[in-house]
């Protein structure tokens, strides 16, 4: 199995280039004002050409986006995928795909094996599932907290859609994470930063090198 990677929370040309050079399959831009990785659609669009040139998928990461935001992202960024990181229902997820013409990733928070059952309701409505650790109770961010769950909970599970593993991944643990979970695609944000929202190109490179060994 070839494991691929999404580098999320892009804000600089250097970070994008490191992801592209390291053969990431996806890059993500976060549109959530409370996040240190928040970016405008216009700024994100200016960063995408190196990724587009290498067929790296562009992901717009949102939290309960309204139609106005979706229309703005579609018009300005033209993302390949919309990532839904809030409380979107399966019906809303389906509507997002229809409205934007983009693929949809639904993030599902996990702390116990029981949480995986939530995937069934979304499989017919989205293109990808993402399993990420539940955010700490005191966090204002639904993701990007560096929190992790028991990756072995994923092993042996089969889903109707491709899925991503996220939460607490970094260059030093991603090989173990893939081994324990069987993940075909991994997602990282804070694990390749030198500070909140500050992507480190060297860490991005190291993460992608580790993914290739997984």
N, C-alpha and C. Protein backbone atom coordinates (compact mmCIF):
# COMPACT_ATOMS: atom_id res chain seq x y z
N UNK A 1 0.84 -1.19 0.00
CA UNK A 1 0.00 0.00 0.00
C UNK A 1 0.88 1.25 0.00
N UNK A 2 0.59 2.16 -0.91
CA UNK A 2 1.28 3.45 -0.94
C UNK A 2 0.54 4.44 -0.06
N UNK A 3 1.22 5.00 0.91
CA UNK A 3 0.62 5.97 1.82
C UNK A 3 0.90 7.37 1.28
N UNK A 4 -0.11 8.21 1.28
CA UNK A 4 0.05 9.59 0.81
C UNK A 4 -0.26 10.54 1.97
N UNK A 5 0.01 11.83 1.73
CA UNK A 5 -0.09 12.79 2.84
C UNK A 5 -0.69 14.11 2.42
N UNK A 6 -1.42 14.70 3.35
CA UNK A 6 -1.97 16.05 3.20
C UNK A 6 -1.28 16.94 4.24
N UNK A 7 -0.72 18.04 3.77
CA UNK A 7 -0.11 19.03 4.66
C UNK A 7 -1.11 20.17 4.79
N UNK A 8 -1.55 20.44 6.00
CA UNK A 8 -2.66 21.37 6.19
C UNK A 8 -2.20 22.64 6.91
N UNK A 9 -2.95 23.71 6.66
CA UNK A 9 -2.67 24.98 7.31
C UNK A 9 -1.62 25.82 6.62
N UNK A 10 -1.60 25.78 5.30
CA UNK A 10 -0.59 26.51 4.52
C UNK A 10 -0.81 28.02 4.60
N UNK A 11 0.33 28.75 4.71
CA UNK A 11 0.25 30.21 4.71
C UNK A 11 1.39 30.88 3.96
N UNK A 12 2.43 30.11 3.59
CA UNK A 12 3.58 30.73 2.94
C UNK A 12 3.98 29.97 1.68
N UNK A 13 4.63 30.66 0.72
CA UNK A 13 5.12 29.97 -0.48
C UNK A 13 6.13 28.88 -0.15
N UNK A 14 6.95 29.11 0.88
CA UNK A 14 7.98 28.14 1.25
C UNK A 14 7.37 26.83 1.74
N UNK A 15 6.30 26.93 2.51
CA UNK A 15 5.62 25.73 3.00
C UNK A 15 4.98 24.96 1.86
N UNK A 16 4.32 25.68 0.97
CA UNK A 16 3.70 25.03 -0.19
C UNK A 16 4.75 24.33 -1.04
N UNK A 17 5.86 25.01 -1.28
CA UNK A 17 6.90 24.42 -2.13
C UNK A 17 7.48 23.17 -1.49
N UNK A 18 7.67 23.19 -0.16
CA UNK A 18 8.19 22.01 0.53
C UNK A 18 7.23 20.84 0.40
N UNK A 19 5.94 21.12 0.48
CA UNK A 19 4.93 20.07 0.33
C UNK A 19 4.94 19.51 -1.09
N UNK A 20 5.01 20.38 -2.05
CA UNK A 20 5.02 19.95 -3.46
C UNK A 20 6.29 19.15 -3.76
N UNK A 21 7.43 19.68 -3.34
CA UNK A 21 8.70 19.00 -3.60
C UNK A 21 8.76 17.63 -2.90
N UNK A 22 8.11 17.54 -1.75
CA UNK A 22 8.10 16.28 -1.00
C UNK A 22 7.04 15.30 -1.46
N UNK A 23 6.30 15.70 -2.50
CA UNK A 23 5.28 14.84 -3.11
C UNK A 23 4.08 14.58 -2.19
N UNK A 24 3.65 15.62 -1.49
CA UNK A 24 2.37 15.54 -0.80
C UNK A 24 1.27 15.35 -1.84
N UNK A 25 0.23 14.65 -1.47
CA UNK A 25 -0.89 14.47 -2.41
C UNK A 25 -1.91 15.59 -2.30
N UNK A 26 -1.96 16.24 -1.12
CA UNK A 26 -2.93 17.31 -0.87
C UNK A 26 -2.26 18.41 -0.04
N UNK A 27 -2.71 19.65 -0.24
CA UNK A 27 -2.39 20.74 0.68
C UNK A 27 -3.70 21.37 1.11
N UNK A 28 -3.72 21.84 2.37
CA UNK A 28 -4.94 22.41 2.90
C UNK A 28 -4.77 23.85 3.35
N UNK A 29 -5.81 24.63 3.12
CA UNK A 29 -5.87 26.02 3.59
C UNK A 29 -7.05 26.14 4.55
N UNK A 30 -6.83 26.80 5.68
CA UNK A 30 -7.83 26.85 6.73
C UNK A 30 -8.55 28.19 6.73
N UNK A 31 -9.87 28.10 6.71
CA UNK A 31 -10.71 29.30 6.70
C UNK A 31 -11.57 29.29 7.96
N UNK A 32 -10.94 29.71 9.05
CA UNK A 32 -11.58 29.72 10.37
C UNK A 32 -10.87 30.77 11.21
N UNK A 33 -11.52 31.91 11.48
CA UNK A 33 -10.85 33.04 12.11
C UNK A 33 -10.17 32.74 13.43
N UNK A 34 -10.64 31.78 14.20
CA UNK A 34 -10.03 31.48 15.49
C UNK A 34 -8.72 30.71 15.36
N UNK A 35 -8.43 30.22 14.18
CA UNK A 35 -7.22 29.42 13.98
C UNK A 35 -6.02 30.30 13.69
N UNK A 36 -4.83 29.96 14.24
CA UNK A 36 -3.61 30.69 13.86
C UNK A 36 -3.21 30.43 12.41
N UNK A 37 -3.88 29.49 11.78
CA UNK A 37 -3.59 29.15 10.38
C UNK A 37 -4.62 29.76 9.43
N UNK A 38 -5.48 30.61 9.94
CA UNK A 38 -6.53 31.23 9.11
C UNK A 38 -5.91 32.04 7.98
N UNK A 39 -6.56 31.97 6.82
CA UNK A 39 -6.07 32.67 5.64
C UNK A 39 -7.27 33.11 4.82
N UNK A 40 -7.10 34.13 4.02
CA UNK A 40 -8.20 34.56 3.16
C UNK A 40 -8.21 33.74 1.87
N UNK A 41 -9.36 33.61 1.23
CA UNK A 41 -9.39 32.89 -0.05
C UNK A 41 -8.45 33.49 -1.09
N UNK A 42 -8.33 34.82 -1.07
CA UNK A 42 -7.46 35.48 -2.05
C UNK A 42 -6.00 35.12 -1.82
N UNK A 43 -5.57 35.15 -0.55
CA UNK A 43 -4.18 34.80 -0.24
C UNK A 43 -3.90 33.33 -0.55
N UNK A 44 -4.87 32.48 -0.24
CA UNK A 44 -4.69 31.06 -0.54
C UNK A 44 -4.57 30.83 -2.04
N UNK A 45 -5.40 31.49 -2.80
CA UNK A 45 -5.37 31.31 -4.26
C UNK A 45 -4.01 31.69 -4.84
N UNK A 46 -3.38 32.70 -4.26
CA UNK A 46 -2.07 33.12 -4.76
C UNK A 46 -0.99 32.07 -4.48
N UNK A 47 -1.22 31.20 -3.51
CA UNK A 47 -0.23 30.19 -3.14
C UNK A 47 -0.38 28.87 -3.90
N UNK A 48 -1.45 28.71 -4.64
CA UNK A 48 -1.75 27.40 -5.23
C UNK A 48 -1.02 27.03 -6.51
N UNK A 49 -0.49 27.96 -7.32
CA UNK A 49 0.07 27.55 -8.61
C UNK A 49 1.09 26.42 -8.57
N UNK A 50 2.06 26.39 -7.62
CA UNK A 50 3.00 25.26 -7.62
C UNK A 50 2.30 23.92 -7.40
N UNK A 51 1.26 23.92 -6.58
CA UNK A 51 0.51 22.69 -6.33
C UNK A 51 -0.28 22.28 -7.57
N UNK A 52 -0.95 23.23 -8.17
CA UNK A 52 -1.74 22.93 -9.38
C UNK A 52 -0.84 22.36 -10.48
N UNK A 53 0.36 22.90 -10.58
CA UNK A 53 1.28 22.46 -11.64
C UNK A 53 1.69 21.00 -11.48
N UNK A 54 1.63 20.49 -10.25
CA UNK A 54 2.03 19.10 -9.98
C UNK A 54 0.84 18.21 -9.62
N UNK A 55 -0.36 18.71 -9.90
CA UNK A 55 -1.59 17.95 -9.62
C UNK A 55 -1.76 17.59 -8.15
N UNK A 56 -1.26 18.45 -7.27
CA UNK A 56 -1.49 18.30 -5.84
C UNK A 56 -2.87 18.89 -5.53
N UNK A 57 -3.72 18.12 -4.87
CA UNK A 57 -5.09 18.55 -4.61
C UNK A 57 -5.11 19.69 -3.59
N UNK A 58 -5.95 20.67 -3.87
CA UNK A 58 -6.12 21.83 -2.99
C UNK A 58 -7.40 21.64 -2.17
N UNK A 59 -7.25 21.73 -0.85
CA UNK A 59 -8.36 21.49 0.07
C UNK A 59 -8.68 22.77 0.83
N UNK A 60 -9.95 23.14 0.86
CA UNK A 60 -10.42 24.27 1.67
C UNK A 60 -11.00 23.71 2.96
N UNK A 61 -10.38 24.04 4.09
CA UNK A 61 -10.79 23.51 5.38
C UNK A 61 -11.72 24.52 6.05
N UNK A 62 -12.93 24.08 6.37
CA UNK A 62 -13.96 24.98 6.89
C UNK A 62 -14.60 24.39 8.14
N UNK A 63 -15.29 25.26 8.88
CA UNK A 63 -16.02 24.84 10.07
C UNK A 63 -17.44 25.39 9.96
N UNK A 64 -18.39 24.52 9.70
CA UNK A 64 -19.79 24.92 9.54
C UNK A 64 -19.92 26.12 8.60
N UNK A 65 -19.40 26.03 7.37
CA UNK A 65 -19.44 27.18 6.46
C UNK A 65 -20.86 27.47 5.99
N UNK A 66 -21.17 28.76 5.86
CA UNK A 66 -22.47 29.13 5.27
C UNK A 66 -22.34 29.17 3.75
N UNK A 67 -23.45 29.35 3.08
CA UNK A 67 -23.44 29.33 1.62
C UNK A 67 -22.60 30.46 1.04
N UNK A 68 -22.61 31.60 1.71
CA UNK A 68 -21.83 32.73 1.22
C UNK A 68 -20.34 32.39 1.21
N UNK A 69 -19.87 31.75 2.27
CA UNK A 69 -18.46 31.36 2.32
C UNK A 69 -18.14 30.30 1.26
N UNK A 70 -19.04 29.35 1.10
CA UNK A 70 -18.81 28.32 0.09
C UNK A 70 -18.74 28.92 -1.31
N UNK A 71 -19.62 29.86 -1.59
CA UNK A 71 -19.62 30.49 -2.91
C UNK A 71 -18.34 31.29 -3.12
N UNK A 72 -17.88 31.96 -2.07
CA UNK A 72 -16.65 32.75 -2.18
C UNK A 72 -15.44 31.84 -2.43
N UNK A 73 -15.37 30.74 -1.69
CA UNK A 73 -14.27 29.80 -1.89
C UNK A 73 -14.29 29.21 -3.29
N UNK A 74 -15.47 28.86 -3.75
CA UNK A 74 -15.59 28.27 -5.09
C UNK A 74 -15.15 29.25 -6.16
N UNK A 75 -15.55 30.50 -6.00
CA UNK A 75 -15.23 31.52 -7.00
C UNK A 75 -13.76 31.89 -7.00
N UNK A 76 -13.15 32.02 -5.83
CA UNK A 76 -11.80 32.56 -5.73
C UNK A 76 -10.74 31.46 -5.70
N UNK A 77 -10.94 30.45 -4.87
CA UNK A 77 -9.92 29.41 -4.68
C UNK A 77 -10.09 28.23 -5.64
N UNK A 78 -11.33 27.92 -5.95
CA UNK A 78 -11.64 26.75 -6.80
C UNK A 78 -11.01 25.48 -6.23
N UNK A 79 -11.35 25.13 -4.98
CA UNK A 79 -10.71 23.96 -4.35
C UNK A 79 -11.16 22.65 -4.99
N UNK A 80 -10.28 21.68 -4.92
CA UNK A 80 -10.64 20.34 -5.37
C UNK A 80 -11.55 19.67 -4.35
N UNK A 81 -11.33 20.00 -3.08
CA UNK A 81 -12.09 19.39 -2.00
C UNK A 81 -12.42 20.43 -0.93
N UNK A 82 -13.60 20.27 -0.32
CA UNK A 82 -14.00 21.07 0.83
C UNK A 82 -13.96 20.15 2.05
N UNK A 83 -13.21 20.54 3.07
CA UNK A 83 -13.15 19.75 4.30
C UNK A 83 -14.09 20.37 5.32
N UNK A 84 -14.97 19.56 5.87
CA UNK A 84 -15.97 20.02 6.83
C UNK A 84 -15.55 19.58 8.22
N UNK A 85 -15.26 20.57 9.08
CA UNK A 85 -14.67 20.28 10.38
C UNK A 85 -15.59 20.66 11.53
N UNK A 86 -16.87 20.89 11.20
CA UNK A 86 -17.80 21.32 12.24
C UNK A 86 -18.84 20.27 12.55
N UNK A 87 -20.08 20.73 12.71
CA UNK A 87 -21.19 19.83 13.07
C UNK A 87 -22.11 19.57 11.87
N UNK A 88 -21.53 19.59 10.69
CA UNK A 88 -22.33 19.41 9.48
C UNK A 88 -23.00 18.03 9.46
N UNK A 89 -24.27 18.01 9.13
CA UNK A 89 -25.02 16.76 9.01
C UNK A 89 -24.70 16.10 7.67
N UNK A 90 -25.05 14.83 7.49
CA UNK A 90 -24.87 14.21 6.18
C UNK A 90 -25.59 14.97 5.07
N UNK A 91 -26.78 15.48 5.37
CA UNK A 91 -27.52 16.24 4.35
C UNK A 91 -26.79 17.51 3.98
N UNK A 92 -26.24 18.19 4.97
CA UNK A 92 -25.49 19.42 4.68
C UNK A 92 -24.22 19.09 3.90
N UNK A 93 -23.55 18.01 4.26
CA UNK A 93 -22.35 17.62 3.53
C UNK A 93 -22.66 17.36 2.06
N UNK A 94 -23.78 16.70 1.82
CA UNK A 94 -24.19 16.42 0.43
C UNK A 94 -24.47 17.74 -0.30
N UNK A 95 -25.14 18.66 0.39
CA UNK A 95 -25.45 19.96 -0.23
C UNK A 95 -24.18 20.75 -0.57
N UNK A 96 -23.18 20.65 0.30
CA UNK A 96 -21.91 21.35 0.06
C UNK A 96 -21.28 20.85 -1.24
N UNK A 97 -21.28 19.55 -1.44
CA UNK A 97 -20.73 19.00 -2.66
C UNK A 97 -21.49 19.46 -3.89
N UNK A 98 -22.80 19.46 -3.80
CA UNK A 98 -23.62 19.88 -4.94
C UNK A 98 -23.43 21.36 -5.24
N UNK A 99 -23.35 22.16 -4.18
CA UNK A 99 -23.26 23.61 -4.38
C UNK A 99 -21.92 24.02 -4.98
N UNK A 100 -20.85 23.38 -4.52
CA UNK A 100 -19.51 23.81 -4.92
C UNK A 100 -18.94 23.03 -6.11
N UNK A 101 -19.44 21.84 -6.32
CA UNK A 101 -18.86 20.99 -7.36
C UNK A 101 -17.55 20.36 -6.94
N UNK A 102 -17.16 20.56 -5.69
CA UNK A 102 -15.92 20.00 -5.16
C UNK A 102 -16.20 18.70 -4.42
N UNK A 103 -15.18 17.89 -4.25
CA UNK A 103 -15.31 16.73 -3.38
C UNK A 103 -15.44 17.18 -1.93
N UNK A 104 -15.94 16.32 -1.09
CA UNK A 104 -16.17 16.67 0.31
C UNK A 104 -15.45 15.68 1.22
N UNK A 105 -14.72 16.23 2.20
CA UNK A 105 -14.11 15.46 3.28
C UNK A 105 -14.85 15.79 4.55
N UNK A 106 -15.38 14.80 5.24
CA UNK A 106 -16.02 15.05 6.55
C UNK A 106 -15.12 14.54 7.66
N UNK A 107 -14.81 15.42 8.59
CA UNK A 107 -13.98 15.07 9.74
C UNK A 107 -14.85 14.52 10.85
N UNK A 108 -14.44 13.38 11.40
CA UNK A 108 -15.17 12.75 12.49
C UNK A 108 -14.24 12.63 13.70
N UNK A 109 -14.60 13.23 14.83
CA UNK A 109 -13.75 13.16 16.02
C UNK A 109 -13.85 11.79 16.69
N UNK A 110 -12.71 11.32 17.16
CA UNK A 110 -12.62 9.97 17.73
C UNK A 110 -11.93 10.00 19.09
N UNK A 111 -12.52 9.29 20.04
CA UNK A 111 -11.81 9.00 21.30
C UNK A 111 -11.95 7.53 21.67
N UNK A 112 -13.05 6.89 21.23
CA UNK A 112 -13.26 5.48 21.50
C UNK A 112 -13.70 4.78 20.22
N UNK A 113 -13.69 3.44 20.23
CA UNK A 113 -14.10 2.67 19.06
C UNK A 113 -15.54 2.98 18.66
N UNK A 114 -16.37 3.30 19.62
CA UNK A 114 -17.77 3.60 19.33
C UNK A 114 -17.91 4.78 18.38
N UNK A 115 -16.98 5.74 18.46
CA UNK A 115 -17.08 6.94 17.62
C UNK A 115 -16.96 6.61 16.13
N UNK A 116 -16.36 5.49 15.80
CA UNK A 116 -16.19 5.14 14.38
C UNK A 116 -17.51 4.83 13.71
N UNK A 117 -18.52 4.49 14.49
CA UNK A 117 -19.82 4.16 13.90
C UNK A 117 -20.48 5.36 13.23
N UNK A 118 -20.05 6.57 13.59
CA UNK A 118 -20.62 7.77 12.97
C UNK A 118 -20.33 7.83 11.48
N UNK A 119 -19.31 7.11 11.03
CA UNK A 119 -18.94 7.16 9.62
C UNK A 119 -20.06 6.66 8.72
N UNK A 120 -20.84 5.70 9.19
CA UNK A 120 -21.86 5.07 8.33
C UNK A 120 -22.84 6.09 7.78
N UNK A 121 -23.20 7.07 8.59
CA UNK A 121 -24.19 8.07 8.16
C UNK A 121 -23.66 8.97 7.06
N UNK A 122 -22.33 9.09 6.95
CA UNK A 122 -21.74 10.03 6.01
C UNK A 122 -21.23 9.38 4.72
N UNK A 123 -21.09 8.08 4.70
CA UNK A 123 -20.41 7.43 3.58
C UNK A 123 -21.10 7.68 2.24
N UNK A 124 -22.41 7.79 2.25
CA UNK A 124 -23.13 8.02 1.00
C UNK A 124 -23.16 9.50 0.62
N UNK A 125 -22.69 10.37 1.52
CA UNK A 125 -22.83 11.81 1.31
C UNK A 125 -21.52 12.51 0.97
N UNK A 126 -20.38 11.85 1.21
CA UNK A 126 -19.09 12.51 1.05
C UNK A 126 -18.14 11.66 0.21
N UNK A 127 -17.01 12.26 -0.14
CA UNK A 127 -16.00 11.56 -0.94
C UNK A 127 -14.91 10.94 -0.09
N UNK A 128 -14.61 11.57 1.06
CA UNK A 128 -13.57 11.09 1.96
C UNK A 128 -14.05 11.27 3.40
N UNK A 129 -13.55 10.40 4.26
CA UNK A 129 -13.73 10.54 5.70
C UNK A 129 -12.38 10.85 6.33
N UNK A 130 -12.40 11.66 7.39
CA UNK A 130 -11.18 11.91 8.15
C UNK A 130 -11.46 11.63 9.62
N UNK A 131 -10.59 10.83 10.23
CA UNK A 131 -10.73 10.51 11.64
C UNK A 131 -9.64 11.24 12.41
N UNK A 132 -10.07 12.08 13.34
CA UNK A 132 -9.13 12.91 14.10
C UNK A 132 -9.48 12.85 15.57
N UNK A 133 -8.49 13.06 16.42
CA UNK A 133 -8.72 13.06 17.86
C UNK A 133 -9.71 14.15 18.25
N UNK A 134 -10.58 13.83 19.20
CA UNK A 134 -11.47 14.85 19.73
C UNK A 134 -10.66 15.98 20.34
N UNK A 135 -11.09 17.19 20.11
CA UNK A 135 -10.38 18.35 20.64
C UNK A 135 -10.49 18.39 22.16
N UNK A 136 -9.46 18.89 22.84
CA UNK A 136 -9.55 19.07 24.29
C UNK A 136 -10.74 19.96 24.64
N UNK A 137 -11.32 19.74 25.81
CA UNK A 137 -12.54 20.45 26.21
C UNK A 137 -12.35 21.96 26.23
N UNK A 138 -11.14 22.43 26.50
CA UNK A 138 -10.91 23.87 26.62
C UNK A 138 -10.43 24.51 25.32
N UNK A 139 -10.43 23.75 24.23
CA UNK A 139 -9.92 24.29 22.96
C UNK A 139 -11.01 24.96 22.15
N UNK A 140 -10.65 26.09 21.53
CA UNK A 140 -11.57 26.76 20.62
C UNK A 140 -11.47 26.21 19.20
N UNK A 141 -10.50 25.33 18.98
CA UNK A 141 -10.26 24.80 17.64
C UNK A 141 -10.75 23.36 17.57
N UNK A 142 -11.47 22.99 16.51
CA UNK A 142 -11.91 21.60 16.36
C UNK A 142 -10.78 20.67 15.96
N UNK A 143 -9.69 21.22 15.43
CA UNK A 143 -8.54 20.41 15.03
C UNK A 143 -7.28 21.24 15.12
N UNK A 144 -6.14 20.63 14.75
CA UNK A 144 -4.88 21.35 14.79
C UNK A 144 -4.36 21.56 16.19
N UNK A 145 -4.82 20.73 17.13
CA UNK A 145 -4.41 20.88 18.53
C UNK A 145 -3.24 19.99 18.91
N UNK A 146 -2.83 19.12 18.03
CA UNK A 146 -1.77 18.18 18.36
C UNK A 146 -2.26 17.01 19.19
N UNK A 147 -3.58 16.91 19.41
CA UNK A 147 -4.14 15.80 20.18
C UNK A 147 -4.18 14.54 19.31
N UNK A 148 -4.07 13.38 19.96
CA UNK A 148 -4.11 12.12 19.24
C UNK A 148 -5.02 11.14 19.96
N UNK A 149 -5.48 10.14 19.19
CA UNK A 149 -6.27 9.07 19.80
C UNK A 149 -5.53 7.75 19.59
N UNK A 150 -6.12 6.67 20.06
CA UNK A 150 -5.50 5.35 19.93
C UNK A 150 -5.61 4.91 18.48
N UNK A 151 -4.52 5.03 17.74
CA UNK A 151 -4.57 4.74 16.31
C UNK A 151 -4.94 3.30 16.01
N UNK A 152 -4.68 2.40 16.94
CA UNK A 152 -5.00 1.00 16.69
C UNK A 152 -6.50 0.75 16.59
N UNK A 153 -7.32 1.71 17.03
CA UNK A 153 -8.77 1.58 16.88
C UNK A 153 -9.18 1.45 15.42
N UNK A 154 -8.35 1.99 14.52
CA UNK A 154 -8.71 2.00 13.10
C UNK A 154 -8.39 0.67 12.41
N UNK A 155 -7.47 -0.08 12.95
CA UNK A 155 -6.98 -1.27 12.26
C UNK A 155 -8.12 -2.26 12.00
N UNK A 156 -8.20 -2.71 10.76
CA UNK A 156 -9.20 -3.70 10.39
C UNK A 156 -10.53 -3.13 9.95
N UNK A 157 -10.74 -1.84 10.17
CA UNK A 157 -12.01 -1.24 9.73
C UNK A 157 -11.98 -0.98 8.23
N UNK A 158 -13.10 -1.21 7.61
CA UNK A 158 -13.25 -0.95 6.18
C UNK A 158 -14.38 0.04 5.98
N UNK A 159 -14.14 1.02 5.13
CA UNK A 159 -15.14 2.04 4.87
C UNK A 159 -15.42 2.11 3.38
N UNK A 160 -16.58 2.63 3.04
CA UNK A 160 -16.97 2.75 1.64
C UNK A 160 -16.25 3.89 0.94
N UNK A 161 -15.62 4.75 1.69
CA UNK A 161 -14.92 5.91 1.14
C UNK A 161 -13.46 5.89 1.56
N UNK A 162 -12.57 6.50 0.78
CA UNK A 162 -11.18 6.66 1.24
C UNK A 162 -11.16 7.46 2.54
N UNK A 163 -10.17 7.16 3.38
CA UNK A 163 -10.14 7.86 4.67
C UNK A 163 -8.74 8.35 5.03
N UNK A 164 -8.73 9.37 5.88
CA UNK A 164 -7.50 10.00 6.34
C UNK A 164 -7.39 9.85 7.84
N UNK A 165 -6.16 9.73 8.31
CA UNK A 165 -5.87 9.74 9.74
C UNK A 165 -5.24 11.07 10.10
N UNK A 166 -5.73 11.70 11.16
CA UNK A 166 -5.22 13.00 11.59
C UNK A 166 -5.16 13.06 13.10
N UNK A 167 -4.43 14.04 13.60
CA UNK A 167 -4.39 14.28 15.03
C UNK A 167 -3.09 13.82 15.68
N UNK A 168 -2.23 14.78 16.00
CA UNK A 168 -1.02 14.47 16.74
C UNK A 168 0.09 13.82 15.95
N UNK A 169 -0.01 13.84 14.63
CA UNK A 169 1.03 13.22 13.80
C UNK A 169 2.22 14.16 13.65
N UNK A 170 3.42 13.59 13.53
CA UNK A 170 4.62 14.37 13.29
C UNK A 170 5.65 13.48 12.59
N UNK A 171 6.81 14.01 12.22
CA UNK A 171 7.78 13.19 11.50
C UNK A 171 8.29 11.98 12.26
N UNK A 172 8.17 12.01 13.59
CA UNK A 172 8.74 10.94 14.43
C UNK A 172 7.75 9.82 14.75
N UNK A 173 6.46 10.08 14.58
CA UNK A 173 5.49 9.03 14.94
C UNK A 173 4.63 8.56 13.78
N UNK A 174 4.75 9.19 12.61
CA UNK A 174 3.82 8.86 11.54
C UNK A 174 4.01 7.43 11.04
N UNK A 175 5.22 6.91 11.06
CA UNK A 175 5.42 5.52 10.62
C UNK A 175 4.66 4.58 11.54
N UNK A 176 4.76 4.79 12.86
CA UNK A 176 4.01 3.96 13.80
C UNK A 176 2.51 4.15 13.64
N UNK A 177 2.09 5.39 13.38
CA UNK A 177 0.66 5.66 13.21
C UNK A 177 0.09 4.87 12.04
N UNK A 178 0.82 4.83 10.94
CA UNK A 178 0.36 4.08 9.78
C UNK A 178 0.35 2.59 10.07
N UNK A 179 1.38 2.12 10.76
CA UNK A 179 1.47 0.69 11.09
C UNK A 179 0.32 0.26 11.99
N UNK A 180 -0.03 1.10 12.96
CA UNK A 180 -1.07 0.75 13.92
C UNK A 180 -2.48 0.91 13.37
N UNK A 181 -2.64 1.85 12.44
CA UNK A 181 -3.99 2.18 11.95
C UNK A 181 -4.32 1.58 10.59
N UNK A 182 -3.29 1.36 9.77
CA UNK A 182 -3.55 0.95 8.40
C UNK A 182 -3.99 2.10 7.51
N UNK A 183 -3.73 3.33 7.94
CA UNK A 183 -4.20 4.51 7.20
C UNK A 183 -3.58 4.59 5.81
N UNK A 184 -4.39 4.85 4.77
CA UNK A 184 -3.86 5.04 3.43
C UNK A 184 -3.44 6.48 3.15
N UNK A 185 -3.93 7.41 3.98
CA UNK A 185 -3.65 8.83 3.79
C UNK A 185 -3.58 9.47 5.16
N UNK A 186 -2.53 10.27 5.39
CA UNK A 186 -2.35 10.93 6.68
C UNK A 186 -2.37 12.44 6.51
N UNK A 187 -2.78 13.12 7.57
CA UNK A 187 -2.94 14.57 7.54
C UNK A 187 -2.16 15.17 8.71
N UNK A 188 -1.39 16.21 8.43
CA UNK A 188 -0.62 16.86 9.50
C UNK A 188 -0.75 18.37 9.40
N UNK A 189 -0.74 19.03 10.56
CA UNK A 189 -0.73 20.48 10.60
C UNK A 189 0.25 20.95 11.66
N UNK A 190 -0.14 20.90 12.94
CA UNK A 190 0.74 21.40 14.00
C UNK A 190 2.03 20.60 14.12
N UNK A 191 2.02 19.34 13.69
CA UNK A 191 3.20 18.50 13.80
C UNK A 191 4.35 18.88 12.89
N UNK A 192 4.14 19.82 11.98
CA UNK A 192 5.22 20.31 11.12
C UNK A 192 5.38 21.82 11.28
N UNK A 193 5.17 22.29 12.52
CA UNK A 193 5.28 23.72 12.81
C UNK A 193 6.33 23.97 13.89
N UNK A 194 6.95 25.13 13.83
CA UNK A 194 7.88 25.56 14.88
C UNK A 194 7.19 26.47 15.89
N UNK A 195 5.94 26.76 15.65
CA UNK A 195 5.09 27.56 16.53
C UNK A 195 3.70 27.55 15.94
N UNK A 196 2.68 27.98 16.69
CA UNK A 196 1.31 27.94 16.18
C UNK A 196 1.16 28.67 14.85
N UNK A 197 0.82 27.94 13.83
CA UNK A 197 0.60 28.51 12.51
C UNK A 197 1.85 28.77 11.71
N UNK A 198 3.03 28.43 12.26
CA UNK A 198 4.31 28.72 11.58
C UNK A 198 4.88 27.42 11.00
N UNK A 199 4.54 27.12 9.78
CA UNK A 199 5.02 25.91 9.14
C UNK A 199 6.53 25.96 8.94
N UNK A 200 7.18 24.84 9.21
CA UNK A 200 8.63 24.71 9.05
C UNK A 200 8.88 23.83 7.83
N UNK A 201 9.42 24.39 6.73
CA UNK A 201 9.65 23.59 5.53
C UNK A 201 10.49 22.35 5.79
N UNK A 202 11.47 22.45 6.70
CA UNK A 202 12.31 21.28 7.00
C UNK A 202 11.50 20.17 7.66
N UNK A 203 10.55 20.54 8.52
CA UNK A 203 9.70 19.53 9.16
C UNK A 203 8.73 18.92 8.16
N UNK A 204 8.23 19.73 7.23
CA UNK A 204 7.38 19.20 6.17
C UNK A 204 8.14 18.16 5.36
N UNK A 205 9.36 18.50 4.99
CA UNK A 205 10.20 17.56 4.23
C UNK A 205 10.43 16.28 5.02
N UNK A 206 10.74 16.41 6.30
CA UNK A 206 10.98 15.23 7.13
C UNK A 206 9.74 14.38 7.28
N UNK A 207 8.60 15.02 7.41
CA UNK A 207 7.35 14.27 7.53
C UNK A 207 7.07 13.47 6.27
N UNK A 208 7.23 14.10 5.13
CA UNK A 208 6.94 13.42 3.86
C UNK A 208 7.94 12.31 3.59
N UNK A 209 9.17 12.49 4.01
CA UNK A 209 10.17 11.41 3.88
C UNK A 209 9.76 10.22 4.75
N UNK A 210 9.27 10.50 5.95
CA UNK A 210 8.83 9.44 6.83
C UNK A 210 7.62 8.71 6.26
N UNK A 211 6.70 9.46 5.68
CA UNK A 211 5.52 8.85 5.05
C UNK A 211 5.93 7.86 3.96
N UNK A 212 6.94 8.21 3.21
CA UNK A 212 7.39 7.30 2.15
C UNK A 212 7.97 6.01 2.71
N UNK A 213 8.42 6.04 3.95
CA UNK A 213 8.95 4.83 4.58
C UNK A 213 7.85 4.00 5.23
N UNK A 214 6.69 4.61 5.39
CA UNK A 214 5.62 3.94 6.14
C UNK A 214 5.04 2.74 5.37
